Amino acid sequence: MKVLDKLSLRARLGLLYAVLLIFSVVVVGCYSYWNIWQLFISNKSSQLRARAKPIIEHWLVDNDLTKSNNPHLKLNPEKAFILARDLTSRDTVAIVLNRKGDIIANGKCLPEEPQAPIPDKRYFRRALSGENEVTYRSQVNGKPVLVLLIPLRPRPASPQIFGVIQMSTLLTDIRKILFRHGTMLVSLVAIILILGIVTGFWLIGVSLKDLQSLLTSCNQISKGNFSQRVSVKNHRDEIGKLAISFNQMIEKLEATFASQQRFVANVAHELMTPLTGLRGSLEVLLRGAQDDPSAMARLSKGMYREVNRLIRLCEQLLGLSQLESCSNVHKQPIILSEFFNEFKANAQVLAGGRSLSIQQGPYVKVSADPDLLKQILLNLLSNALRYSPRETPVVIRWKLLPEQVEIQISDQGQGMDRETLSHAFEPFYQGKLARLVSNEKGIGLGLSLAKSMVEAQGGMIRIESEPGKGTTVFFTLPLE
């Protein structure tokens, strides 16, 4: 097993294929050889019996044994020899045995005629008991012979058996034919194995070529080249489906890696701004500005604002990490209409006198964390108020969906273009239009936090927006 573990997949598959092919071909070849051998033996035995039948019938009639009540008394060596001699030929010899198993006649007279084997008592008893098809193989002087036993009956259907004829013939001619057949079969098996193994290794190599391409792509990706893709010829087999799944995975990894790079760059940028301000203020203080009360107060207020900005940024980043592990989610049943009645006061304070409408929807009970739901609505409402004109209203409504409720926050602001919409939920991302319209500088984590909080409660969030036509944010929550 350790040796196999060191082999490549192609070598292991090729070895397995070769072993199975050799085993299959050898088994089929041996079975074919054995069947042909049995066929020759059966034909030889049938021919001998067919030739012996009319000779025996004539011998019974000539010796007046068909009507005798005691034919064994009439069976003597002279009569038996005539039968044995008639059944003997150049390649076949016959002997006649009485009911005791003693040889009373042997048909061999000429030197070229084969010698009869010694009768086997086991098979003799079977023939004497009435079994007609007793055939077995034996040896004479190291040569294989076929032996068949024929019970002697006065009539074909008579249960009375008064002797047994043993006919034996050499199997030399059959062995010569089988030797030629075996030689041809071995040659054919060798050709099939060579062609089959070569073809099998070629097919395995072609089939695993796409896996080699996959391995090359993996090596490139491990070096940071996420643009690498696997190209396969057959997309319907398992390797093709694996390549398709692999390419989809790499696309997601590439997008995730790019998103992480943007996230790290944006975090560094957002941290650099307040830290640069703090460093500048400290440098001014170190140069002696602490002696000027007005400069001291101005610098202190600026440093306080930057510190608050850093704290707010860290809190939001901490909130994102906590939501990813769902450690901060405490869901409970909430009647949505009652929740919005309580939330209306907070929303109006955030609106600061601007037009805000909370439209009552159907009576529903959702399963959600009330604190997270309130934070979601405040984040989305803050964005809607920030990026829409003061004279336009912001509307909050909800509607019932199968097994969930959908909450909508709509504004009539400048909207988003397609590029901004595709990156809206990425941390720190702010579109060009948003930076131009809003005077208040944000961090860019509001929508990211809202998305994480919605998904942590088992919901989904999406945005519909067009430039100049406002924005609507939809998010769902599961029903209780």
Protein backbone atom coordinates (compact mmCIF):
# COMPACT_ATOMS: atom_id res chain seq x y z
CA MET A 1 0.00 0.00 0.00
CA LYS A 2 2.85 2.39 0.72
CA VAL A 3 4.21 1.77 -2.77
CA LEU A 4 0.80 2.54 -4.30
CA ASP A 5 0.56 5.76 -2.28
CA LYS A 6 3.75 6.98 -3.92
CA LEU A 7 2.35 6.50 -7.42
CA SER A 8 0.52 9.22 -9.32
CA LEU A 9 -3.22 9.02 -9.89
CA ARG A 10 -2.65 8.18 -13.55
CA ALA A 11 -0.30 5.34 -12.64
CA ARG A 12 -2.71 3.94 -10.03
CA LEU A 13 -5.67 4.08 -12.40
CA GLY A 14 -3.58 2.52 -15.16
CA LEU A 15 -2.39 -0.25 -12.85
CA LEU A 16 -5.95 -0.94 -11.68
CA TYR A 17 -7.18 -0.99 -15.28
CA ALA A 18 -4.37 -3.34 -16.33
CA VAL A 19 -5.02 -5.76 -13.43
CA LEU A 20 -8.77 -5.84 -14.14
CA LEU A 21 -8.16 -6.32 -17.87
CA ILE A 22 -5.65 -9.13 -17.34
CA PHE A 23 -7.94 -10.85 -14.83
CA SER A 24 -10.99 -10.55 -17.13
CA VAL A 25 -9.18 -11.76 -20.26
CA VAL A 26 -7.50 -14.66 -18.44
CA VAL A 27 -10.78 -15.78 -16.86
CA VAL A 28 -12.61 -15.59 -20.20
CA GLY A 29 -9.75 -17.42 -21.97
CA CYS A 30 -9.62 -20.23 -19.39
CA TYR A 31 -13.39 -20.60 -19.43
CA SER A 32 -13.37 -20.76 -23.23
CA TYR A 33 -10.58 -23.37 -23.24
CA TRP A 34 -12.40 -25.49 -20.64
CA ASN A 35 -15.69 -25.29 -22.58
CA ILE A 36 -14.02 -26.40 -25.81
CA TRP A 37 -12.31 -29.27 -23.96
CA GLN A 38 -15.66 -30.39 -22.54
CA LEU A 39 -17.26 -30.08 -25.97
CA PHE A 40 -14.62 -32.35 -27.56
CA ILE A 41 -14.96 -34.93 -24.79
CA SER A 42 -18.75 -34.89 -25.09
CA ASN A 43 -18.62 -35.26 -28.88
CA LYS A 44 -16.08 -38.08 -28.65
CA SER A 45 -18.18 -39.91 -26.09
CA SER A 46 -21.37 -39.46 -28.16
CA GLN A 47 -19.67 -40.76 -31.29
CA LEU A 48 -18.38 -43.88 -29.53
CA ARG A 49 -21.75 -44.67 -28.00
CA ALA A 50 -23.54 -44.06 -31.31
CA ARG A 51 -21.12 -46.42 -33.09
CA ALA A 52 -21.41 -49.06 -30.36
CA LYS A 53 -25.21 -49.16 -30.16
CA PRO A 54 -26.01 -50.96 -33.45
CA ILE A 55 -23.08 -53.37 -32.97
CA ILE A 56 -24.35 -54.36 -29.53
CA GLU A 57 -27.93 -54.76 -30.79
CA HIS A 58 -26.83 -57.08 -33.61
CA TRP A 59 -24.65 -59.07 -31.22
CA LEU A 60 -27.60 -59.55 -28.83
CA VAL A 61 -29.83 -60.79 -31.64
CA ASP A 62 -27.16 -63.04 -33.13
CA ASN A 63 -26.53 -64.72 -29.80
CA ASP A 64 -30.23 -65.01 -28.94
CA LEU A 65 -29.85 -62.93 -25.77
CA THR A 66 -32.83 -60.59 -26.23
CA LYS A 67 -35.39 -63.20 -25.10
CA SER A 68 -33.30 -65.02 -22.55
CA ASN A 69 -34.33 -64.92 -18.90
CA ASN A 70 -30.77 -65.57 -17.73
CA PRO A 71 -28.51 -63.89 -20.27
CA HIS A 72 -25.55 -63.86 -17.90
CA LEU A 73 -25.42 -67.62 -18.13
CA LYS A 74 -25.00 -67.41 -21.88
CA LEU A 75 -22.24 -64.75 -21.64
CA ASN A 76 -19.04 -66.67 -22.21
CA PRO A 77 -15.54 -65.52 -23.31
CA GLU A 78 -16.08 -66.67 -26.92
CA LYS A 79 -19.26 -64.63 -27.42
CA ALA A 80 -17.82 -61.70 -25.45
CA PHE A 81 -14.68 -61.69 -27.58
CA ILE A 82 -16.72 -61.34 -30.77
CA LEU A 83 -18.44 -58.24 -29.31
CA ALA A 84 -15.19 -56.77 -27.99
CA ARG A 85 -13.49 -57.34 -31.31
CA ASP A 86 -16.33 -55.69 -33.27
CA LEU A 87 -16.15 -52.61 -31.00
CA THR A 88 -12.35 -52.29 -31.26
CA SER A 89 -10.75 -50.08 -33.91
CA ARG A 90 -7.37 -48.47 -34.60
CA ASP A 91 -7.88 -45.78 -31.91
CA THR A 92 -10.46 -47.52 -29.70
CA VAL A 93 -10.30 -50.71 -27.64
CA ALA A 94 -13.18 -52.52 -25.95
CA ILE A 95 -13.28 -55.06 -23.12
CA VAL A 96 -16.22 -56.98 -21.72
CA LEU A 97 -16.69 -57.44 -17.97
CA ASN A 98 -19.09 -59.80 -16.26
CA ARG A 99 -21.24 -58.84 -13.30
CA LYS A 100 -18.37 -59.54 -10.90
CA GLY A 101 -16.10 -57.04 -12.67
CA ASP A 102 -13.83 -59.67 -14.18
CA ILE A 103 -12.51 -59.13 -17.72
CA ILE A 104 -13.83 -61.98 -19.85
CA ALA A 105 -12.86 -60.54 -23.28
CA ASN A 106 -10.36 -58.01 -24.65
CA GLY A 107 -10.72 -56.70 -28.19
CA LYS A 108 -7.04 -55.80 -28.65
CA CYS A 109 -5.38 -58.10 -31.13
CA LEU A 110 -3.09 -55.92 -33.23
CA PRO A 111 0.00 -54.10 -31.89
CA GLU A 112 -1.14 -50.74 -33.28
CA GLU A 113 -4.40 -50.92 -31.37
CA PRO A 114 -4.41 -49.08 -28.03
CA GLN A 115 -4.16 -50.83 -24.73
CA ALA A 116 -7.17 -50.84 -22.44
CA PRO A 117 -6.83 -49.25 -18.99
CA ILE A 118 -7.52 -51.23 -15.85
CA PRO A 119 -11.24 -50.97 -15.00
CA ASP A 120 -12.09 -48.61 -12.17
CA LYS A 121 -14.30 -50.40 -9.65
CA ARG A 122 -16.11 -47.18 -8.64
CA TYR A 123 -17.31 -46.41 -12.15
CA PHE A 124 -17.98 -50.11 -12.86
CA ARG A 125 -20.43 -50.29 -9.93
CA ARG A 126 -22.26 -47.21 -11.25
CA ALA A 127 -22.66 -48.80 -14.70
CA LEU A 128 -23.73 -52.12 -13.17
CA SER A 129 -26.40 -50.31 -11.18
CA GLY A 130 -28.00 -49.15 -14.44
CA GLU A 131 -26.37 -45.74 -15.11
CA ASN A 132 -26.00 -45.38 -18.89
CA GLU A 133 -23.78 -42.30 -19.21
CA VAL A 134 -20.69 -43.29 -17.21
CA THR A 135 -17.68 -41.49 -18.69
CA TYR A 136 -14.32 -40.67 -17.14
CA ARG A 137 -10.70 -39.96 -18.07
CA SER A 138 -7.74 -42.17 -17.23
CA GLN A 139 -4.16 -42.81 -18.34
CA VAL A 140 -2.36 -45.68 -20.07
CA ASN A 141 1.43 -45.55 -20.20
CA GLY A 142 1.27 -41.82 -19.44
CA LYS A 143 -1.15 -41.08 -22.29
CA PRO A 144 -4.62 -39.69 -21.59
CA VAL A 145 -7.56 -41.86 -22.57
CA LEU A 146 -11.31 -41.40 -22.50
CA VAL A 147 -13.20 -44.29 -20.89
CA LEU A 148 -16.92 -44.91 -21.22
CA LEU A 149 -18.97 -47.78 -19.76
CA ILE A 150 -22.04 -49.29 -21.42
CA PRO A 151 -24.28 -51.65 -19.41
CA LEU A 152 -25.23 -54.85 -21.26
CA ARG A 153 -29.01 -55.39 -21.23
CA PRO A 154 -30.99 -58.00 -23.13
CA ARG A 155 -33.40 -55.29 -24.21
CA PRO A 156 -33.00 -51.46 -24.19
CA ALA A 157 -35.52 -50.87 -21.36
CA SER A 158 -34.72 -53.97 -19.37
CA PRO A 159 -33.60 -53.50 -15.77
CA GLN A 160 -31.56 -56.71 -16.01
CA ILE A 161 -27.80 -56.10 -16.54
CA PHE A 162 -25.63 -59.10 -17.23
CA GLY A 163 -22.32 -57.34 -18.04
CA VAL A 164 -20.53 -54.08 -18.81
CA ILE A 165 -18.64 -53.00 -21.91
CA GLN A 166 -15.65 -50.71 -21.35
CA MET A 167 -14.59 -48.68 -24.39
CA SER A 168 -11.49 -46.48 -24.24
CA THR A 169 -9.93 -44.21 -26.81
CA LEU A 170 -6.81 -42.07 -26.85
CA LEU A 171 -7.22 -38.29 -26.42
CA THR A 172 -4.00 -37.50 -28.30
CA ASP A 173 -5.79 -35.98 -31.30
CA ILE A 174 -7.98 -33.84 -29.04
CA ARG A 175 -4.95 -32.65 -27.10
CA LYS A 176 -3.21 -31.66 -30.34
CA ILE A 177 -6.24 -29.65 -31.42
CA LEU A 178 -6.51 -28.05 -27.99
CA PHE A 179 -2.80 -27.27 -28.00
CA ARG A 180 -3.16 -25.39 -31.29
CA HIS A 181 -6.27 -23.68 -29.97
CA GLY A 182 -4.53 -22.81 -26.71
CA THR A 183 -1.52 -21.38 -28.56
CA MET A 184 -3.81 -19.25 -30.69
CA LEU A 185 -5.82 -18.22 -27.63
CA VAL A 186 -2.69 -17.20 -25.70
CA SER A 187 -1.45 -15.17 -28.66
CA LEU A 188 -4.85 -13.50 -29.00
CA VAL A 189 -4.97 -12.79 -25.25
CA ALA A 190 -1.48 -11.28 -25.38
CA ILE A 191 -2.45 -9.01 -28.31
CA ILE A 192 -5.69 -7.96 -26.56
CA LEU A 193 -3.80 -7.21 -23.34
CA ILE A 194 -1.11 -5.16 -25.08
CA LEU A 195 -3.59 -3.16 -27.15
CA GLY A 196 -6.02 -2.84 -24.23
CA ILE A 197 -3.40 -1.65 -21.74
CA VAL A 198 -1.86 0.82 -24.20
CA THR A 199 -5.30 2.15 -25.16
CA GLY A 200 -6.36 2.27 -21.52
CA PHE A 201 -3.31 4.28 -20.46
CA TRP A 202 -3.90 6.66 -23.38
CA LEU A 203 -7.56 7.14 -22.46
CA ILE A 204 -6.70 7.67 -18.80
CA GLY A 205 -4.09 10.25 -19.79
CA VAL A 206 -6.60 12.08 -21.99
CA SER A 207 -9.25 11.97 -19.25
CA LEU A 208 -6.82 13.27 -16.61
CA LYS A 209 -5.46 16.03 -18.84
CA ASP A 210 -8.13 18.40 -17.51
CA LEU A 211 -7.09 17.52 -13.95
CA GLN A 212 -3.53 18.51 -14.85
CA SER A 213 -4.90 21.83 -16.09
CA LEU A 214 -6.75 22.15 -12.78
CA LEU A 215 -3.52 21.47 -10.87
CA THR A 216 -1.68 24.12 -12.92
CA SER A 217 -4.42 26.64 -12.15
CA CYS A 218 -4.24 25.81 -8.44
CA ASN A 219 -0.49 26.41 -8.44
CA GLN A 220 -0.99 29.77 -10.13
CA ILE A 221 -3.72 30.73 -7.66
CA SER A 222 -1.52 29.75 -4.72
CA LYS A 223 0.93 32.37 -6.01
CA GLY A 224 -1.80 35.03 -5.92
CA ASN A 225 -2.92 34.95 -9.57
CA PHE A 226 -6.71 34.91 -9.08
CA SER A 227 -7.35 35.65 -12.75
CA GLN A 228 -6.45 32.04 -13.64
CA ARG A 229 -9.35 29.90 -14.91
CA VAL A 230 -9.64 26.22 -15.88
CA SER A 231 -10.70 25.41 -19.44
CA VAL A 232 -11.99 21.89 -20.17
CA LYS A 233 -13.27 20.29 -23.35
CA ASN A 234 -16.08 18.20 -21.87
CA HIS A 235 -18.29 20.07 -19.42
CA ARG A 236 -20.70 17.16 -18.88
CA ASP A 237 -18.47 14.68 -17.08
CA GLU A 238 -17.40 14.84 -13.44
CA ILE A 239 -14.11 16.60 -14.18
CA GLY A 240 -15.93 19.21 -16.31
CA LYS A 241 -18.42 19.86 -13.51
CA LEU A 242 -15.53 20.09 -11.05
CA ALA A 243 -13.81 22.65 -13.30
CA ILE A 244 -17.02 24.73 -13.51
CA SER A 245 -17.42 24.68 -9.70
CA PHE A 246 -13.73 25.49 -9.32
CA ASN A 247 -14.01 28.52 -11.63
CA GLN A 248 -17.08 29.73 -9.73
CA MET A 249 -15.23 29.35 -6.45
CA ILE A 250 -12.23 31.30 -7.79
CA GLU A 251 -14.53 34.09 -8.99
CA LYS A 252 -15.97 34.38 -5.51
CA LEU A 253 -12.51 34.21 -3.94
CA GLU A 254 -11.27 36.90 -6.31
CA ALA A 255 -14.21 39.13 -5.44
CA THR A 256 -13.74 38.46 -1.72
CA PHE A 257 -10.00 39.12 -1.90
CA ALA A 258 -10.56 42.37 -3.82
CA SER A 259 -13.21 43.38 -1.29
CA GLN A 260 -10.81 42.67 1.59
CA GLN A 261 -8.09 44.74 -0.09
CA ARG A 262 -10.52 47.63 -0.52
CA PHE A 263 -11.64 47.20 3.08
CA VAL A 264 -8.08 47.32 4.45
CA ALA A 265 -7.24 50.32 2.27
CA ASN A 266 -10.41 52.14 3.34
CA VAL A 267 -9.83 51.39 7.02
CA ALA A 268 -6.27 52.69 6.73
CA HIS A 269 -7.56 55.80 4.95
CA GLU A 270 -10.30 56.43 7.50
CA LEU A 271 -7.87 55.98 10.39
CA MET A 272 -5.21 58.12 8.76
CA THR A 273 -7.47 61.19 8.52
CA PRO A 274 -8.19 61.68 12.26
CA LEU A 275 -4.70 60.52 13.23
CA THR A 276 -3.15 63.08 10.88
CA GLY A 277 -5.37 65.76 12.42
CA LEU A 278 -4.37 64.72 15.93
CA ARG A 279 -0.68 64.74 15.01
CA GLY A 280 -0.98 68.22 13.51
CA SER A 281 -2.74 69.55 16.60
CA LEU A 282 -0.12 68.00 18.90
CA GLU A 283 2.69 69.48 16.83
CA VAL A 284 1.11 72.94 17.19
CA LEU A 285 0.79 72.43 20.94
CA LEU A 286 4.39 71.31 21.21
CA ARG A 287 5.53 74.46 19.41
CA GLY A 288 4.05 76.57 22.24
CA ALA A 289 0.38 77.02 21.40
CA GLN A 290 -0.54 75.97 24.95
CA ASP A 291 0.28 79.51 26.06
CA ASP A 292 -2.53 80.87 23.84
CA PRO A 293 -5.88 80.09 25.51
CA SER A 294 -7.93 80.60 22.33
CA ALA A 295 -5.63 78.40 20.24
CA MET A 296 -5.60 75.85 23.06
CA ALA A 297 -9.39 75.71 23.12
CA ARG A 298 -9.67 75.44 19.32
CA LEU A 299 -7.08 72.67 19.13
CA SER A 300 -8.66 70.78 22.04
CA LYS A 301 -12.09 70.84 20.38
CA GLY A 302 -10.59 69.62 17.12
CA MET A 303 -8.72 66.83 18.86
CA TYR A 304 -11.90 65.88 20.73
CA ARG A 305 -13.81 65.60 17.46
CA GLU A 306 -11.13 63.41 15.88
CA VAL A 307 -10.98 61.15 18.93
CA ASN A 308 -14.77 60.78 18.83
CA ARG A 309 -14.50 59.93 15.15
CA LEU A 310 -11.91 57.22 15.94
CA ILE A 311 -14.08 55.83 18.74
CA ARG A 312 -17.15 55.77 16.49
CA LEU A 313 -15.16 54.02 13.77
CA CYS A 314 -13.83 51.38 16.18
CA GLU A 315 -17.29 50.79 17.65
CA GLN A 316 -18.77 50.21 14.21
CA LEU A 317 -15.94 47.87 13.21
CA LEU A 318 -16.43 45.96 16.47
CA GLY A 319 -20.14 45.78 15.77
CA LEU A 320 -19.44 44.24 12.34
CA SER A 321 -17.18 41.55 13.80
CA GLN A 322 -19.70 40.70 16.54
CA LEU A 323 -22.56 40.42 14.05
CA GLU A 324 -20.57 38.03 11.86
CA SER A 325 -20.50 35.53 14.74
CA CYS A 326 -24.15 36.27 15.70
CA SER A 327 -22.98 36.69 19.33
CA ASN A 328 -24.91 39.94 19.75
CA VAL A 329 -28.30 38.79 18.46
CA HIS A 330 -31.17 38.22 20.93
CA LYS A 331 -34.31 37.53 18.95
CA GLN A 332 -37.77 37.75 20.47
CA PRO A 333 -41.39 38.18 19.24
CA ILE A 334 -42.13 41.78 18.17
CA ILE A 335 -45.50 43.20 17.11
CA LEU A 336 -44.40 45.47 14.28
CA SER A 337 -47.11 48.13 14.64
CA GLU A 338 -46.37 48.56 18.38
CA PHE A 339 -42.65 48.72 17.68
CA PHE A 340 -43.06 51.51 15.11
CA ASN A 341 -45.31 53.46 17.47
CA GLU A 342 -42.42 53.54 19.96
CA PHE A 343 -39.80 54.11 17.25
CA LYS A 344 -41.66 57.13 15.83
CA ALA A 345 -40.40 59.42 18.62
CA ASN A 346 -36.76 58.52 17.96
CA ALA A 347 -37.26 58.91 14.22
CA GLN A 348 -38.77 62.39 14.57
CA VAL A 349 -35.85 63.52 16.75
CA LEU A 350 -33.43 62.25 14.07
CA ALA A 351 -35.50 63.96 11.35
CA GLY A 352 -35.17 67.32 13.10
CA GLY A 353 -38.46 68.74 11.82
CA ARG A 354 -38.19 67.26 8.29
CA SER A 355 -41.13 65.44 6.71
CA LEU A 356 -41.22 61.83 7.91
CA SER A 357 -44.09 59.39 7.31
CA ILE A 358 -44.50 55.96 8.94
CA GLN A 359 -47.33 54.23 7.10
CA GLN A 360 -49.12 51.50 9.05
CA GLY A 361 -49.10 48.08 7.43
CA PRO A 362 -50.84 44.82 8.35
CA TYR A 363 -50.76 43.36 11.85
CA VAL A 364 -47.73 41.05 11.96
CA LYS A 365 -45.47 39.57 14.60
CA VAL A 366 -41.83 39.10 13.68
CA SER A 367 -38.90 37.30 15.29
CA ALA A 368 -36.13 39.88 15.70
CA ASP A 369 -33.76 41.64 18.08
CA PRO A 370 -35.49 44.93 18.97
CA ASP A 371 -32.22 46.78 19.59
CA LEU A 372 -30.74 45.64 16.26
CA LEU A 373 -33.99 46.44 14.43
CA LYS A 374 -33.95 49.93 15.90
CA GLN A 375 -30.30 50.40 14.89
CA ILE A 376 -31.07 49.19 11.34
CA LEU A 377 -33.90 51.69 10.96
CA LEU A 378 -31.85 54.55 12.42
CA ASN A 379 -28.93 53.83 10.06
CA LEU A 380 -31.16 53.63 6.98
CA LEU A 381 -33.22 56.63 8.04
CA SER A 382 -30.04 58.64 8.68
CA ASN A 383 -28.80 57.86 5.15
CA ALA A 384 -32.17 58.76 3.63
CA LEU A 385 -32.26 62.11 5.45
CA ARG A 386 -28.63 62.87 4.64
CA TYR A 387 -28.87 62.29 0.89
CA SER A 388 -32.30 63.74 0.11
CA PRO A 389 -33.48 67.40 -0.06
CA ARG A 390 -35.02 68.85 3.10
CA GLU A 391 -38.36 69.58 1.46
CA THR A 392 -38.90 65.97 0.30
CA PRO A 393 -40.49 63.38 2.61
CA VAL A 394 -38.97 60.09 3.80
CA VAL A 395 -41.48 57.22 3.99
CA ILE A 396 -41.30 54.02 6.09
CA ARG A 397 -43.80 51.22 5.38
CA TRP A 398 -44.08 47.43 5.57
CA LYS A 399 -45.98 44.64 3.83
CA LEU A 400 -46.56 40.95 4.41
CA LEU A 401 -44.76 38.31 2.34
CA PRO A 402 -44.88 34.48 2.59
CA GLU A 403 -43.29 33.59 5.97
CA GLN A 404 -41.68 37.04 6.30
CA VAL A 405 -42.36 40.76 6.36
CA GLU A 406 -40.70 43.37 4.12
CA ILE A 407 -39.88 46.84 5.50
CA GLN A 408 -39.20 49.73 3.09
CA ILE A 409 -37.48 53.10 3.63
CA SER A 410 -37.94 55.42 0.63
CA ASP A 411 -36.58 58.89 -0.13
CA GLN A 412 -36.71 61.26 -3.08
CA GLY A 413 -33.05 62.16 -3.17
CA GLN A 414 -30.49 62.08 -5.95
CA GLY A 415 -30.37 58.24 -6.05
CA MET A 416 -27.39 56.08 -7.00
CA ASP A 417 -25.79 55.13 -10.29
CA ARG A 418 -25.13 51.48 -11.17
CA GLU A 419 -21.52 51.48 -10.00
CA THR A 420 -22.43 52.95 -6.61
CA LEU A 421 -25.35 50.52 -6.27
CA SER A 422 -23.09 47.51 -6.91
CA HIS A 423 -20.73 48.55 -4.07
CA ALA A 424 -23.35 50.05 -1.73
CA PHE A 425 -22.92 47.45 1.02
CA GLU A 426 -19.12 47.44 0.98
CA PRO A 427 -17.51 48.98 4.08
CA PHE A 428 -16.26 52.59 3.69
CA TYR A 429 -17.52 52.84 0.13
CA GLN A 430 -19.03 56.20 -0.79
CA GLY A 431 -20.18 57.03 -4.29
CA LYS A 432 -19.11 60.19 -6.09
CA LEU A 433 -22.67 61.53 -6.14
CA ALA A 434 -23.06 60.94 -2.40
CA ARG A 435 -19.85 62.86 -1.65
CA LEU A 436 -21.00 65.79 -3.77
CA VAL A 437 -24.55 65.99 -2.39
CA SER A 438 -23.91 65.52 1.33
CA ASN A 439 -22.09 68.20 3.30
CA GLU A 440 -21.74 65.95 6.34
CA LYS A 441 -18.83 63.56 6.05
CA GLY A 442 -19.76 59.97 6.94
CA ILE A 443 -17.66 56.90 7.64
CA GLY A 444 -19.30 54.66 5.07
CA LEU A 445 -20.21 51.80 7.40
CA GLY A 446 -23.94 52.45 7.79
CA LEU A 447 -25.19 50.17 5.02
CA SER A 448 -22.58 47.51 5.85
CA LEU A 449 -23.76 47.45 9.44
CA ALA A 450 -27.40 47.37 8.36
CA LYS A 451 -26.74 44.43 6.03
CA SER A 452 -24.88 42.49 8.74
CA MET A 453 -27.62 43.16 11.30
CA VAL A 454 -30.39 42.10 8.90
CA GLU A 455 -28.62 38.89 7.86
CA ALA A 456 -27.78 38.07 11.50
CA GLN A 457 -31.55 37.92 12.14
CA GLY A 458 -32.25 35.67 9.16
CA GLY A 459 -33.35 38.38 6.71
CA MET A 460 -32.15 39.88 3.44
CA ILE A 461 -31.59 43.45 2.29
CA ARG A 462 -31.55 45.07 -1.14
CA ILE A 463 -31.63 48.55 -2.72
CA GLU A 464 -33.52 49.95 -5.69
CA SER A 465 -32.30 53.31 -6.94
CA GLU A 466 -31.86 55.43 -10.05
CA PRO A 467 -30.06 58.75 -10.40
CA GLY A 468 -32.52 61.59 -9.85
CA LYS A 469 -35.40 59.27 -8.83
CA GLY A 470 -34.64 58.55 -5.20
CA THR A 471 -33.72 55.40 -3.33
CA THR A 472 -35.69 52.64 -1.62
CA VAL A 473 -34.12 50.16 0.76
CA PHE A 474 -35.95 46.85 1.30
CA PHE A 475 -35.15 44.39 4.07
CA THR A 476 -37.01 41.34 5.33
CA LEU A 477 -37.45 39.71 8.71
CA PRO A 478 -38.88 36.23 9.45
CA LEU A 479 -42.37 35.99 10.96
CA GLU A 480 -42.81 34.62 14.47
